[in-house]
Structures are given as C-alpha cells and as structure tokens.
Amino acid sequence: MRKIEFQLEPLSCPSCIKRIEGTLNKQKGVKDARVLFNSSKVKAMYDESVATPEELVAIIEKLGYPVKKTKAA
C-alpha cells in the first residue's frame, strides 16, 4: 500500500468532499481516500499494483476538480 496526496483548487462546498471521497473509495485498489476541506487536499491509500497516481488524478479531474500538485506521502 502506498500513500499519496493531491492538492486541489480551493473547494467551495461540503458536497464536493462527498463526491470526491465516494468516487475514489469505490475504485479498485483504493483502500481509503479522505478530503480535507480547509486545505483542499485529498489523501489516499492505494494498492500500487492495482491503481496508479495518474489514474487517481484522472478520476478527480473527470469530476471537475483540477489537481494542482501530487505528492507521495
């Protein structure tokens, strides 16, 4: 399992959190994804043999939330 952190553009509402967390947590290979509203960060634990950081970024951006920066945690 690996940990990763994504910095997003500022989030505007709590429903953004539910949408991002819900979508990521349903993905194969994602064990846990959390969104920190105040800092607009997504922290995730994932199985690198099943999912890649690029796939997770694509999922977040497809939801309409641009990823500014990715950092291995």
C-alpha atoms as a PDB file:
ATOM      1  CA  MET A   1       0.000   0.000   0.000  1.00  0.00           C
ATOM      2  CA  ARG A   2       1.151   3.495  -0.817  1.00  0.00           C
ATOM      3  CA  LYS A   3       0.009   6.885   0.392  1.00  0.00           C
ATOM      4  CA  ILE A   4      -0.458   9.854  -1.893  1.00  0.00           C
ATOM      5  CA  GLU A   5      -1.643  13.437  -1.520  1.00  0.00           C
ATOM      6  CA  PHE A   6      -3.248  15.678  -4.120  1.00  0.00           C
ATOM      7  CA  GLN A   7      -3.545  19.454  -3.824  1.00  0.00           C
ATOM      8  CA  LEU A   8      -6.743  20.704  -5.468  1.00  0.00           C
ATOM      9  CA  GLU A   9      -8.059  24.114  -6.378  1.00  0.00           C
ATOM     10  CA  PRO A  10      -9.991  25.535  -3.397  1.00  0.00           C
ATOM     11  CA  LEU A  11     -13.168  23.551  -2.732  1.00  0.00           C
ATOM     12  CA  SER A  12     -16.388  25.510  -2.476  1.00  0.00           C
ATOM     13  CA  CYS A  13     -18.795  23.210  -0.643  1.00  0.00           C
ATOM     14  CA  PRO A  14     -19.008  20.141   1.612  1.00  0.00           C
ATOM     15  CA  SER A  15     -20.777  18.171  -1.115  1.00  0.00           C
ATOM     16  CA  CYS A  16     -17.502  18.312  -3.073  1.00  0.00           C
ATOM     17  CA  ILE A  17     -15.938  16.218  -0.316  1.00  0.00           C
ATOM     18  CA  LYS A  18     -18.611  13.526  -0.514  1.00  0.00           C
ATOM     19  CA  ARG A  19     -18.396  13.392  -4.287  1.00  0.00           C
ATOM     20  CA  ILE A  20     -14.610  13.005  -4.412  1.00  0.00           C
ATOM     21  CA  GLU A  21     -14.360  10.614  -1.456  1.00  0.00           C
ATOM     22  CA  GLY A  22     -17.266   8.497  -2.638  1.00  0.00           C
ATOM     23  CA  THR A  23     -15.903   8.131  -6.157  1.00  0.00           C
ATOM     24  CA  LEU A  24     -12.323   7.379  -5.118  1.00  0.00           C
ATOM     25  CA  ASN A  25     -13.324   4.916  -2.405  1.00  0.00           C
ATOM     26  CA  LYS A  26     -15.275   2.887  -4.990  1.00  0.00           C
ATOM     27  CA  GLN A  27     -12.220   2.468  -7.240  1.00  0.00           C
ATOM     28  CA  LYS A  28     -10.369  -0.836  -7.306  1.00  0.00           C
ATOM     29  CA  GLY A  29      -7.107  -0.554  -5.434  1.00  0.00           C
ATOM     30  CA  VAL A  30      -8.132   2.425  -3.273  1.00  0.00           C
ATOM     31  CA  LYS A  31      -8.220   1.444   0.390  1.00  0.00           C
ATOM     32  CA  ASP A  32      -9.052   4.844   1.855  1.00  0.00           C
ATOM     33  CA  ALA A  33      -9.482   8.345   0.448  1.00  0.00           C
ATOM     34  CA  ARG A  34     -10.116  11.442   2.551  1.00  0.00           C
ATOM     35  CA  VAL A  35     -10.661  15.042   1.532  1.00  0.00           C
ATOM     36  CA  LEU A  36      -9.543  17.860   3.806  1.00  0.00           C
ATOM     37  CA  PHE A  37     -11.932  20.721   3.029  1.00  0.00           C
ATOM     38  CA  ASN A  38      -9.975  23.602   4.626  1.00  0.00           C
ATOM     39  CA  SER A  39      -6.733  22.774   2.823  1.00  0.00           C
ATOM     40  CA  SER A  40      -8.335  21.351  -0.364  1.00  0.00           C
ATOM     41  CA  LYS A  41      -6.186  18.223  -0.131  1.00  0.00           C
ATOM     42  CA  VAL A  42      -7.024  14.635  -0.947  1.00  0.00           C
ATOM     43  CA  LYS A  43      -5.121  11.954   0.946  1.00  0.00           C
ATOM     44  CA  ALA A  44      -5.399   8.396  -0.292  1.00  0.00           C
ATOM     45  CA  MET A  45      -4.009   4.973   0.451  1.00  0.00           C
ATOM     46  CA  TYR A  46      -3.921   2.717  -2.595  1.00  0.00           C
ATOM     47  CA  ASP A  47      -2.507  -0.564  -3.876  1.00  0.00           C
ATOM     48  CA  GLU A  48       0.088   0.363  -6.493  1.00  0.00           C
ATOM     49  CA  SER A  49      -0.346  -2.994  -8.226  1.00  0.00           C
ATOM     50  CA  VAL A  50      -3.972  -2.113  -9.000  1.00  0.00           C
ATOM     51  CA  ALA A  51      -4.126   1.694  -9.324  1.00  0.00           C
ATOM     52  CA  THR A  52      -1.694   4.427 -10.367  1.00  0.00           C
ATOM     53  CA  PRO A  53      -1.417   8.055  -9.263  1.00  0.00           C
ATOM     54  CA  GLU A  54      -2.205   9.098 -12.844  1.00  0.00           C
ATOM     55  CA  GLU A  55      -5.462   7.118 -12.768  1.00  0.00           C
ATOM     56  CA  LEU A  56      -6.466   8.741  -9.482  1.00  0.00           C
ATOM     57  CA  VAL A  57      -5.709  12.214 -10.849  1.00  0.00           C
ATOM     58  CA  ALA A  58      -7.802  11.440 -13.949  1.00  0.00           C
ATOM     59  CA  ILE A  59     -10.733  10.356 -11.761  1.00  0.00           C
ATOM     60  CA  ILE A  60     -10.592  13.546  -9.668  1.00  0.00           C
ATOM     61  CA  GLU A  61     -10.273  15.786 -12.725  1.00  0.00           C
ATOM     62  CA  LYS A  62     -13.116  13.995 -14.518  1.00  0.00           C
ATOM     63  CA  LEU A  63     -15.298  15.023 -11.575  1.00  0.00           C
ATOM     64  CA  GLY A  64     -14.369  18.634 -12.332  1.00  0.00           C
ATOM     65  CA  TYR A  65     -11.724  19.302  -9.688  1.00  0.00           C
ATOM     66  CA  PRO A  66      -8.323  20.295 -11.148  1.00  0.00           C
ATOM     67  CA  VAL A  67      -5.318  18.751  -9.389  1.00  0.00           C
ATOM     68  CA  LYS A  68      -2.592  21.343  -8.862  1.00  0.00           C
ATOM     69  CA  LYS A  69       0.066  19.105  -7.329  1.00  0.00           C
ATOM     70  CA  THR A  70       0.672  15.459  -6.438  1.00  0.00           C
ATOM     71  CA  LYS A  71       2.941  14.349  -3.615  1.00  0.00           C
ATOM     72  CA  ALA A  72       3.833  10.858  -2.413  1.00  0.00           C
ATOM     73  CA  ALA A  73       3.128  10.732   1.299  1.00  0.00           C
END
